[in-house]
Amino acid sequence: MTAARTLVPAPINLDPTDRAIIRELERDARIPWAQLGRRVALTAPAVRERVRRMERAGVITGYGAWIEPAQVGRGIGAFVRVATHTQQRVERLIAFAHDRGEVVECHTLTGDDTVLLRVQVGDMAELDRLTSSLNQFGKTTTSMVLGSPIPWRNVVTR
């Protein structure tokens, strides 16, 4: 489980080689150290040490597989905004969302809506059940995803 990120840490200085390493890891996180080193003009031990330093500093926070939602039966995406005005309800909503496999992101917000959930479901009935269960926390507004011309991406190397 990843801890909620509410504080903005001070950025560390990344030189062009660090940024090149990150770009390569974004493309293929399973790249062997020697191959990564060749791509950024470093030895395998030197590139490994830079990666470890960035991991310790919290720049690189993990590695994972990208899953195509439709291929695992969750091809319908939606954003669900919840307007709830007590901290206790927000905390209960976050705990509820954390335990739901359909919820792939959860954000707390400023403004009228307090929480934004990104969800992936298999069909409209599943979305209806989920949004109905969210009504206990406050007013919900749901927007269906029609397309994602710019999908999620890292920001550090852009």
Protein backbone atom coordinates (compact mmCIF):
# COMPACT_ATOMS: atom_id res chain seq x y z
CA MET A 1 0.00 0.00 0.00
CA THR A 2 1.31 3.43 -0.92
CA ALA A 3 0.95 6.12 1.71
CA ALA A 4 -1.24 9.07 0.81
CA ARG A 5 0.80 11.95 -0.55
CA THR A 6 -0.44 15.15 1.02
CA LEU A 7 2.82 17.03 1.52
CA VAL A 8 4.97 18.15 -1.38
CA PRO A 9 8.54 17.01 -0.75
CA ALA A 10 11.46 19.21 -1.73
CA PRO A 11 12.67 18.09 -5.15
CA ILE A 12 16.15 16.68 -5.49
CA ASN A 13 18.50 17.84 -8.19
CA LEU A 14 18.33 15.57 -11.20
CA ASP A 15 21.03 15.96 -13.80
CA PRO A 16 20.50 15.13 -17.49
CA THR A 17 21.83 11.59 -16.94
CA ASP A 18 19.35 10.97 -14.10
CA ARG A 19 16.54 12.17 -16.36
CA ALA A 20 17.76 9.92 -19.18
CA ILE A 21 17.77 6.95 -16.80
CA ILE A 22 14.20 7.76 -15.74
CA ARG A 23 13.07 8.02 -19.39
CA GLU A 24 14.57 4.60 -20.13
CA LEU A 25 12.96 3.05 -17.04
CA GLU A 26 9.61 4.55 -18.07
CA ARG A 27 9.94 2.76 -21.41
CA ASP A 28 11.08 -0.55 -19.88
CA ALA A 29 11.45 -0.94 -16.12
CA ARG A 30 12.88 -4.46 -16.64
CA ILE A 31 15.84 -3.31 -18.71
CA PRO A 32 19.11 -4.96 -17.57
CA TRP A 33 21.60 -2.66 -15.83
CA ALA A 34 24.24 -3.17 -18.54
CA GLN A 35 21.85 -2.26 -21.35
CA LEU A 36 20.56 0.76 -19.42
CA GLY A 37 24.15 1.82 -18.79
CA ARG A 38 24.98 1.65 -22.51
CA ARG A 39 21.96 3.81 -23.34
CA VAL A 40 23.01 6.54 -20.89
CA ALA A 41 26.81 6.15 -21.27
CA LEU A 42 27.49 4.74 -17.78
CA THR A 43 28.73 1.44 -16.41
CA ALA A 44 26.18 -0.98 -15.00
CA PRO A 45 27.34 -0.36 -11.38
CA ALA A 46 27.17 3.42 -11.87
CA VAL A 47 23.65 3.33 -13.30
CA ARG A 48 22.53 0.92 -10.57
CA GLU A 49 23.82 3.33 -7.89
CA ARG A 50 22.01 6.28 -9.50
CA VAL A 51 18.76 4.31 -9.60
CA ARG A 52 19.18 3.26 -5.95
CA ARG A 53 19.85 6.91 -4.99
CA MET A 54 16.67 8.03 -6.78
CA GLU A 55 14.72 5.24 -5.05
CA ARG A 56 16.04 6.28 -1.62
CA ALA A 57 15.17 9.93 -2.36
CA GLY A 58 11.61 9.00 -3.35
CA VAL A 59 11.99 10.02 -7.01
CA ILE A 60 11.39 6.43 -8.15
CA THR A 61 8.61 5.05 -5.97
CA GLY A 62 7.96 1.68 -7.58
CA TYR A 63 7.81 -0.51 -10.64
CA GLY A 64 4.83 -2.29 -12.11
CA ALA A 65 2.98 -3.71 -15.07
CA TRP A 66 0.55 -1.67 -17.17
CA ILE A 67 -2.74 -3.58 -17.42
CA GLU A 68 -5.30 -3.05 -20.20
CA PRO A 69 -8.61 -2.76 -18.27
CA ALA A 70 -10.76 -4.22 -21.06
CA GLN A 71 -8.59 -7.35 -21.17
CA VAL A 72 -9.36 -8.09 -17.51
CA GLY A 73 -13.08 -7.38 -17.70
CA ARG A 74 -13.04 -3.73 -16.63
CA GLY A 75 -13.28 -1.83 -19.89
CA ILE A 76 -15.66 0.91 -18.76
CA GLY A 77 -13.99 3.92 -17.15
CA ALA A 78 -15.60 6.74 -15.22
CA PHE A 79 -14.79 9.60 -12.88
CA VAL A 80 -16.99 9.86 -9.81
CA ARG A 81 -16.98 13.10 -7.85
CA VAL A 82 -18.31 13.03 -4.30
CA ALA A 83 -19.36 16.14 -2.40
CA THR A 84 -19.15 15.46 1.31
CA HIS A 85 -18.48 18.14 3.86
CA THR A 86 -17.19 16.45 6.98
CA GLN A 87 -13.69 15.13 7.50
CA GLN A 88 -15.10 11.98 9.09
CA ARG A 89 -17.09 11.18 5.93
CA VAL A 90 -14.06 11.87 3.76
CA GLU A 91 -11.98 9.46 5.83
CA ARG A 92 -14.72 6.80 5.70
CA LEU A 93 -15.04 7.29 1.94
CA ILE A 94 -11.30 6.89 1.42
CA ALA A 95 -11.29 3.69 3.51
CA PHE A 96 -14.27 2.40 1.52
CA ALA A 97 -12.62 3.27 -1.81
CA HIS A 98 -9.33 1.68 -0.78
CA ASP A 99 -11.03 -1.70 -0.41
CA ARG A 100 -12.83 -1.56 -3.77
CA GLY A 101 -11.06 -3.10 -6.76
CA GLU A 102 -13.02 -0.89 -9.14
CA VAL A 103 -11.41 2.25 -7.71
CA VAL A 104 -8.05 2.81 -9.41
CA GLU A 105 -7.40 6.35 -8.14
CA CYS A 106 -8.69 8.50 -5.30
CA HIS A 107 -7.97 12.21 -4.89
CA THR A 108 -9.09 14.77 -2.32
CA LEU A 109 -10.03 18.13 -3.83
CA THR A 110 -10.74 21.75 -3.12
CA GLY A 111 -14.06 23.20 -4.23
CA ASP A 112 -17.58 21.79 -4.09
CA ASP A 113 -16.54 18.19 -4.73
CA THR A 114 -14.42 16.75 -1.94
CA VAL A 115 -13.23 13.48 -3.47
CA LEU A 116 -12.58 12.38 -7.06
CA LEU A 117 -12.48 8.67 -7.87
CA ARG A 118 -11.34 7.13 -11.13
CA VAL A 119 -13.04 3.78 -11.54
CA GLN A 120 -12.89 0.88 -13.99
CA VAL A 121 -15.88 -1.46 -14.16
CA GLY A 122 -17.08 -4.31 -16.33
CA ASP A 123 -20.55 -3.05 -17.15
CA MET A 124 -23.08 -0.34 -16.40
CA ALA A 125 -24.80 -2.42 -13.71
CA GLU A 126 -21.51 -2.63 -11.81
CA LEU A 127 -21.06 1.14 -12.13
CA ASP A 128 -24.62 1.69 -10.89
CA ARG A 129 -24.03 -0.54 -7.85
CA LEU A 130 -20.79 1.28 -7.06
CA THR A 131 -22.24 4.78 -7.38
CA SER A 132 -25.29 3.76 -5.34
CA SER A 133 -23.00 2.55 -2.56
CA LEU A 134 -21.13 5.88 -2.68
CA ASN A 135 -24.32 7.87 -2.02
CA GLN A 136 -23.95 7.15 1.71
CA PHE A 137 -20.97 9.54 1.73
CA GLY A 138 -22.56 12.47 -0.08
CA LYS A 139 -23.80 13.72 -3.45
CA THR A 140 -22.17 11.94 -6.39
CA THR A 141 -21.66 13.07 -9.97
CA THR A 142 -20.42 10.57 -12.54
CA SER A 143 -18.72 11.27 -15.88
CA MET A 144 -18.09 8.42 -18.31
CA VAL A 145 -14.72 8.18 -20.07
CA LEU A 146 -15.26 8.19 -23.84
CA GLY A 147 -11.58 8.15 -24.74
CA SER A 148 -8.15 8.92 -23.35
CA PRO A 149 -6.10 10.73 -26.01
CA ILE A 150 -3.44 11.46 -23.36
CA PRO A 151 -3.37 8.56 -20.90
CA TRP A 152 -1.68 8.73 -17.49
CA ARG A 153 2.02 9.42 -17.77
CA ASN A 154 4.92 10.39 -15.57
CA VAL A 155 5.76 14.08 -15.41
CA VAL A 156 9.40 14.21 -14.36
CA THR A 157 10.90 13.77 -17.82
CA ARG A 158 8.39 15.70 -19.88
